[in-house]
PDB file of N, CA and C in Angstrom:
ATOM      1  N   MET A   1     148.057  86.345  94.584  1.00  0.00           N
ATOM      2  CA  MET A   1     147.719  87.086  95.790  1.00  0.00           C
ATOM      3  C   MET A   1     148.489  86.442  96.947  1.00  0.00           C
ATOM      4  N   SER A   2     149.157  87.255  97.691  1.00  0.00           N
ATOM      5  CA  SER A   2     149.949  86.747  98.821  1.00  0.00           C
ATOM      6  C   SER A   2     149.028  86.457 100.007  1.00  0.00           C
ATOM      7  N   PRO A   3     149.492  85.628 100.922  1.00  0.00           N
ATOM      8  CA  PRO A   3     148.671  85.334 102.107  1.00  0.00           C
ATOM      9  C   PRO A   3     148.329  86.587 102.923  1.00  0.00           C
ATOM     10  N   ALA A   4     149.207  87.574 102.959  1.00  0.00           N
ATOM     11  CA  ALA A   4     148.920  88.812 103.703  1.00  0.00           C
ATOM     12  C   ALA A   4     147.781  89.585 103.039  1.00  0.00           C
ATOM     13  N   GLU A   5     147.816  89.688 101.712  1.00  0.00           N
ATOM     14  CA  GLU A   5     146.726  90.373 100.996  1.00  0.00           C
ATOM     15  C   GLU A   5     145.412  89.631 101.182  1.00  0.00           C
ATOM     16  N   TYR A   6     145.475  88.304 101.149  1.00  0.00           N
ATOM     17  CA  TYR A   6     144.273  87.501 101.360  1.00  0.00           C
ATOM     18  C   TYR A   6     143.679  87.780 102.730  1.00  0.00           C
ATOM     19  N   LEU A   7     144.512  87.821 103.755  1.00  0.00           N
ATOM     20  CA  LEU A   7     144.017  88.081 105.106  1.00  0.00           C
ATOM     21  C   LEU A   7     143.434  89.477 105.231  1.00  0.00           C
ATOM     22  N   ILE A   8     144.027  90.461 104.552  1.00  0.00           N
ATOM     23  CA  ILE A   8     143.494  91.829 104.590  1.00  0.00           C
ATOM     24  C   ILE A   8     142.110  91.869 103.948  1.00  0.00           C
ATOM     25  N   TRP A   9     141.965  91.262 102.772  1.00  0.00           N
ATOM     26  CA  TRP A   9     140.670  91.272 102.093  1.00  0.00           C
ATOM     27  C   TRP A   9     139.633  90.468 102.867  1.00  0.00           C
ATOM     28  N   TYR A  10     140.077  89.374 103.493  1.00  0.00           N
ATOM     29  CA  TYR A  10     139.160  88.586 104.306  1.00  0.00           C
ATOM     30  C   TYR A  10     138.683  89.404 105.507  1.00  0.00           C
ATOM     31  N   GLY A  11     139.577  90.163 106.120  1.00  0.00           N
ATOM     32  CA  GLY A  11     139.201  91.022 107.241  1.00  0.00           C
ATOM     33  C   GLY A  11     138.227  92.109 106.818  1.00  0.00           C
ATOM     34  N   VAL A  12     138.462  92.710 105.660  1.00  0.00           N
ATOM     35  CA  VAL A  12     137.543  93.728 105.138  1.00  0.00           C
ATOM     36  C   VAL A  12     136.178  93.103 104.870  1.00  0.00           C
ATOM     37  N   PHE A  13     136.174  91.910 104.313  1.00  0.00           N
ATOM     38  CA  PHE A  13     134.914  91.223 104.038  1.00  0.00           C
ATOM     39  C   PHE A  13     134.143  90.963 105.322  1.00  0.00           C
ATOM     40  N   ARG A  14     134.846  90.527 106.378  1.00  0.00           N
ATOM     41  CA  ARG A  14     134.174  90.256 107.651  1.00  0.00           C
ATOM     42  C   ARG A  14     133.590  91.536 108.261  1.00  0.00           C
ATOM     43  N   ILE A  15     134.326  92.629 108.171  1.00  0.00           N
ATOM     44  CA  ILE A  15     133.838  93.903 108.714  1.00  0.00           C
ATOM     45  C   ILE A  15     132.597  94.361 107.956  1.00  0.00           C
ATOM     46  N   VAL A  16     132.640  94.277 106.637  1.00  0.00           N
ATOM     47  CA  VAL A  16     131.499  94.703 105.831  1.00  0.00           C
ATOM     48  C   VAL A  16     130.293  93.801 106.090  1.00  0.00           C
ATOM     49  N   THR A  17     130.528  92.504 106.237  1.00  0.00           N
ATOM     50  CA  THR A  17     129.429  91.576 106.516  1.00  0.00           C
ATOM     51  C   THR A  17     128.765  91.909 107.851  1.00  0.00           C
ATOM     52  N   ASN A  18     129.575  92.152 108.878  1.00  0.00           N
ATOM     53  CA  ASN A  18     129.007  92.508 110.182  1.00  0.00           C
ATOM     54  C   ASN A  18     128.287  93.845 110.126  1.00  0.00           C
ATOM     55  N   LEU A  19     128.828  94.798 109.411  1.00  0.00           N
ATOM     56  CA  LEU A  19     128.171  96.092 109.247  1.00  0.00           C
ATOM     57  C   LEU A  19     126.803  95.903 108.592  1.00  0.00           C
ATOM     58  N   GLN A  20     126.762  95.064 107.584  1.00  0.00           N
ATOM     59  CA  GLN A  20     125.506  94.817 106.878  1.00  0.00           C
ATOM     60  C   GLN A  20     124.487  94.159 107.796  1.00  0.00           C
ATOM     61  N   MET A  21     124.917  93.188 108.594  1.00  0.00           N
ATOM     62  CA  MET A  21     123.974  92.471 109.457  1.00  0.00           C
ATOM     63  C   MET A  21     123.447  93.338 110.585  1.00  0.00           C
ATOM     64  N   PHE A  22     124.312  94.125 111.203  1.00  0.00           N
ATOM     65  CA  PHE A  22     123.916  94.824 112.419  1.00  0.00           C
ATOM     66  C   PHE A  22     123.479  96.261 112.205  1.00  0.00           C
ATOM     67  N   VAL A  23     123.735  96.835 111.053  1.00  0.00           N
ATOM     68  CA  VAL A  23     123.340  98.217 110.800  1.00  0.00           C
ATOM     69  C   VAL A  23     122.288  98.279 109.695  1.00  0.00           C
ATOM     70  N   LEU A  24     122.610  97.722 108.548  1.00  0.00           N
ATOM     71  CA  LEU A  24     121.710  97.841 107.410  1.00  0.00           C
ATOM     72  C   LEU A  24     120.479  96.947 107.540  1.00  0.00           C
ATOM     73  N   GLY A  25     120.611  95.770 108.134  1.00  0.00           N
ATOM     74  CA  GLY A  25     119.470  94.861 108.303  1.00  0.00           C
ATOM     75  C   GLY A  25     118.364  95.482 109.139  1.00  0.00           C
ATOM     76  N   PRO A  26     118.659  95.897 110.382  1.00  0.00           N
ATOM     77  CA  PRO A  26     117.617  96.521 111.197  1.00  0.00           C
ATOM     78  C   PRO A  26     117.069  97.811 110.576  1.00  0.00           C
ATOM     79  N   ARG A  27     117.921  98.551 109.895  1.00  0.00           N
ATOM     80  CA  ARG A  27     117.435  99.784 109.254  1.00  0.00           C
ATOM     81  C   ARG A  27     116.425  99.455 108.165  1.00  0.00           C
ATOM     82  N   LEU A  28     116.682  98.399 107.413  1.00  0.00           N
ATOM     83  CA  LEU A  28     115.738  97.968 106.390  1.00  0.00           C
ATOM     84  C   LEU A  28     114.424  97.536 107.020  1.00  0.00           C
ATOM     85  N   ILE A  29     114.503  96.792 108.111  1.00  0.00           N
ATOM     86  CA  ILE A  29     113.286  96.343 108.795  1.00  0.00           C
ATOM     87  C   ILE A  29     112.484  97.537 109.296  1.00  0.00           C
ATOM     88  N   LEU A  30     113.158  98.523 109.888  1.00  0.00           N
ATOM     89  CA  LEU A  30     112.445  99.699 110.393  1.00  0.00           C
ATOM     90  C   LEU A  30     111.808 100.503 109.264  1.00  0.00           C
ATOM     91  N   SER A  31     112.497 100.615 108.133  1.00  0.00           N
ATOM     92  CA  SER A  31     111.915 101.368 107.026  1.00  0.00           C
ATOM     93  C   SER A  31     110.724 100.630 106.434  1.00  0.00           C
ATOM     94  N   ILE A  32     110.756  99.306 106.411  1.00  0.00           N
ATOM     95  CA  ILE A  32     109.598  98.541 105.931  1.00  0.00           C
ATOM     96  C   ILE A  32     108.424  98.725 106.880  1.00  0.00           C
ATOM     97  N   ARG A  33     108.688  98.701 108.191  1.00  0.00           N
ATOM     98  CA  ARG A  33     107.604  98.928 109.160  1.00  0.00           C
ATOM     99  C   ARG A  33     106.992 100.314 109.001  1.00  0.00           C
ATOM    100  N   GLN A  34     107.845 101.316 108.793  1.00  0.00           N
ATOM    101  CA  GLN A  34     107.349 102.682 108.623  1.00  0.00           C
ATOM    102  C   GLN A  34     106.492 102.777 107.359  1.00  0.00           C
ATOM    103  N   TYR A  35     106.947 102.163 106.270  1.00  0.00           N
ATOM    104  CA  TYR A  35     106.182 102.177 105.029  1.00  0.00           C
ATOM    105  C   TYR A  35     104.837 101.474 105.226  1.00  0.00           C
ATOM    106  N   HIS A  36     104.841 100.334 105.917  1.00  0.00           N
ATOM    107  CA  HIS A  36     103.599  99.595 106.152  1.00  0.00           C
ATOM    108  C   HIS A  36     102.631 100.412 107.001  1.00  0.00           C
ATOM    109  N   ALA A  37     103.144 101.095 108.023  1.00  0.00           N
ATOM    110  CA  ALA A  37     102.281 101.928 108.871  1.00  0.00           C
ATOM    111  C   ALA A  37     101.659 103.055 108.053  1.00  0.00           C
ATOM    112  N   LYS A  38     102.437 103.629 107.132  1.00  0.00           N
ATOM    113  CA  LYS A  38     101.918 104.698 106.286  1.00  0.00           C
ATOM    114  C   LYS A  38     100.834 104.171 105.354  1.00  0.00           C
ATOM    115  N   VAL A  39     101.030 102.987 104.799  1.00  0.00           N
ATOM    116  CA  VAL A  39     100.042 102.396 103.904  1.00  0.00           C
ATOM    117  C   VAL A  39      98.753 102.099 104.665  1.00  0.00           C
ATOM    118  N   VAL A  40      98.882 101.553 105.879  1.00  0.00           N
ATOM    119  CA  VAL A  40      97.700 101.246 106.683  1.00  0.00           C
ATOM    120  C   VAL A  40      96.969 102.535 107.047  1.00  0.00           C
ATOM    121  N   ALA A  41      97.694 103.579 107.397  1.00  0.00           N
ATOM    122  CA  ALA A  41      97.059 104.852 107.749  1.00  0.00           C
ATOM    123  C   ALA A  41      96.321 105.432 106.547  1.00  0.00           C
ATOM    124  N   ASN A  42      96.915 105.367 105.378  1.00  0.00           N
ATOM    125  CA  ASN A  42      96.251 105.875 104.182  1.00  0.00           C
ATOM    126  C   ASN A  42      95.033 105.035 103.831  1.00  0.00           C
ATOM    127  N   HIS A  43      95.109 103.742 104.051  1.00  0.00           N
ATOM    128  CA  HIS A  43      93.963 102.877 103.766  1.00  0.00           C
ATOM    129  C   HIS A  43      92.814 103.185 104.713  1.00  0.00           C
ATOM    130  N   ASP A  44      93.118 103.369 105.997  1.00  0.00           N
ATOM    131  CA  ASP A  44      92.074 103.700 106.964  1.00  0.00           C
ATOM    132  C   ASP A  44      91.435 105.045 106.640  1.00  0.00           C
ATOM    133  N   GLU A  45      92.232 105.999 106.220  1.00  0.00           N
ATOM    134  CA  GLU A  45      91.716 107.318 105.879  1.00  0.00           C
ATOM    135  C   GLU A  45      90.759 107.228 104.697  1.00  0.00           C
ATOM    136  N   GLY A  46      91.098 106.421 103.719  1.00  0.00           N
ATOM    137  CA  GLY A  46      90.238 106.256 102.553  1.00  0.00           C
ATOM    138  C   GLY A  46      88.920 105.609 102.914  1.00  0.00           C
ATOM    139  N   SER A  47      88.913 104.632 103.793  1.00  0.00           N
ATOM    140  CA  SER A  47      87.661 103.982 104.170  1.00  0.00           C
ATOM    141  C   SER A  47      86.784 104.928 104.981  1.00  0.00           C
ATOM    142  N   ARG A  48      87.387 105.798 105.796  1.00  0.00           N
ATOM    143  CA  ARG A  48      86.594 106.782 106.530  1.00  0.00           C
ATOM    144  C   ARG A  48      85.929 107.766 105.575  1.00  0.00           C
ATOM    145  N   MET A  49      86.613 108.138 104.521  1.00  0.00           N
ATOM    146  CA  MET A  49      86.046 109.091 103.573  1.00  0.00           C
ATOM    147  C   MET A  49      84.828 108.491 102.879  1.00  0.00           C
ATOM    148  N   THR A  50      84.892 107.212 102.501  1.00  0.00           N
ATOM    149  CA  THR A  50      83.727 106.613 101.840  1.00  0.00           C
ATOM    150  C   THR A  50      82.569 106.494 102.811  1.00  0.00           C
ATOM    151  N   THR A  51      82.846 106.204 104.086  1.00  0.00           N
ATOM    152  CA  THR A  51      81.787 106.142 105.085  1.00  0.00           C
ATOM    153  C   THR A  51      81.131 107.501 105.241  1.00  0.00           C
ATOM    154  N   MET A  52      81.933 108.551 105.246  1.00  0.00           N
ATOM    155  CA  MET A  52      81.374 109.886 105.366  1.00  0.00           C
ATOM    156  C   MET A  52      80.507 110.218 104.149  1.00  0.00           C
ATOM    157  N   LEU A  53      80.931 109.791 102.986  1.00  0.00           N
ATOM    158  CA  LEU A  53      80.128 110.057 101.801  1.00  0.00           C
ATOM    159  C   LEU A  53      78.792 109.351 101.880  1.00  0.00           C
ATOM    160  N   PHE A  54      78.787 108.109 102.329  1.00  0.00           N
ATOM    161  CA  PHE A  54      77.530 107.392 102.457  1.00  0.00           C
ATOM    162  C   PHE A  54      76.635 108.048 103.503  1.00  0.00           C
ATOM    163  N   GLN A  55      77.221 108.498 104.604  1.00  0.00           N
ATOM    164  CA  GLN A  55      76.422 109.153 105.632  1.00  0.00           C
ATOM    165  C   GLN A  55      75.865 110.464 105.104  1.00  0.00           C
ATOM    166  N   GLU A  56      76.641 111.189 104.334  1.00  0.00           N
ATOM    167  CA  GLU A  56      76.178 112.464 103.805  1.00  0.00           C
ATOM    168  C   GLU A  56      75.007 112.244 102.860  1.00  0.00           C
ATOM    169  N   ARG A  57      75.077 111.230 102.038  1.00  0.00           N
ATOM    170  CA  ARG A  57      73.978 110.946 101.112  1.00  0.00           C
ATOM    171  C   ARG A  57      72.746 110.469 101.856  1.00  0.00           C
ATOM    172  N   ALA A  58      72.939 109.785 102.975  1.00  0.00           N
ATOM    173  CA  ALA A  58      71.809 109.270 103.739  1.00  0.00           C
ATOM    174  C   ALA A  58      71.060 110.395 104.435  1.00  0.00           C
ATOM    175  N   THR A  59      71.711 111.506 104.729  1.00  0.00           N
ATOM    176  CA  THR A  59      71.046 112.580 105.450  1.00  0.00           C
ATOM    177  C   THR A  59      70.242 113.498 104.534  1.00  0.00           C
ATOM    178  N   VAL A  60      70.366 113.320 103.232  1.00  0.00           N
ATOM    179  CA  VAL A  60      69.597 114.143 102.305  1.00  0.00           C
ATOM    180  C   VAL A  60      68.135 113.710 102.372  1.00  0.00           C
ATOM    181  N   SER A  61      67.267 114.638 102.690  1.00  0.00           N
ATOM    182  CA  SER A  61      65.854 114.263 102.822  1.00  0.00           C
ATOM    183  C   SER A  61      65.109 114.659 101.571  1.00  0.00           C
ATOM    184  N   ILE A  62      64.224 113.792 101.155  1.00  0.00           N
ATOM    185  CA  ILE A  62      63.372 114.058  99.978  1.00  0.00           C
ATOM    186  C   ILE A  62      61.929 114.108 100.478  1.00  0.00           C
ATOM    187  N   GLU A  63      61.298 115.229 100.256  1.00  0.00           N
ATOM    188  CA  GLU A  63      59.925 115.379 100.726  1.00  0.00           C
ATOM    189  C   GLU A  63      58.960 115.113  99.573  1.00  0.00           C
ATOM    190  N   HIS A  64      57.955 114.325  99.879  1.00  0.00           N
ATOM    191  CA  HIS A  64      56.934 114.022  98.882  1.00  0.00           C
ATOM    192  C   HIS A  64      55.636 114.700  99.338  1.00  0.00           C
ATOM    193  N   SER A  65      55.040 115.398  98.468  1.00  0.00           N
ATOM    194  CA  SER A  65      53.740 116.002  98.802  1.00  0.00           C
ATOM    195  C   SER A  65      52.656 115.211  98.089  1.00  0.00           C
ATOM    196  N   VAL A  66      51.672 114.828  98.822  1.00  0.00           N
ATOM    197  CA  VAL A  66      50.599 114.018  98.261  1.00  0.00           C
ATOM    198  C   VAL A  66      49.353 114.855  98.086  1.00  0.00           C
TER     199      VAL A  66
END
């Protein structure tokens, strides 16, 4: 490999490295945050549903005649 080819490949490597750090890195972080927010929202929704079920069962009245 000639020194000119080496410098060209080194330049391409530097460009790709910077692209990865400044474009793909933050995009990955944002997608992880979005996924986490979705998981938390689904978890909260599930806990509300169980609370509603317990409240619904608590409102059922049973009458006893003596």
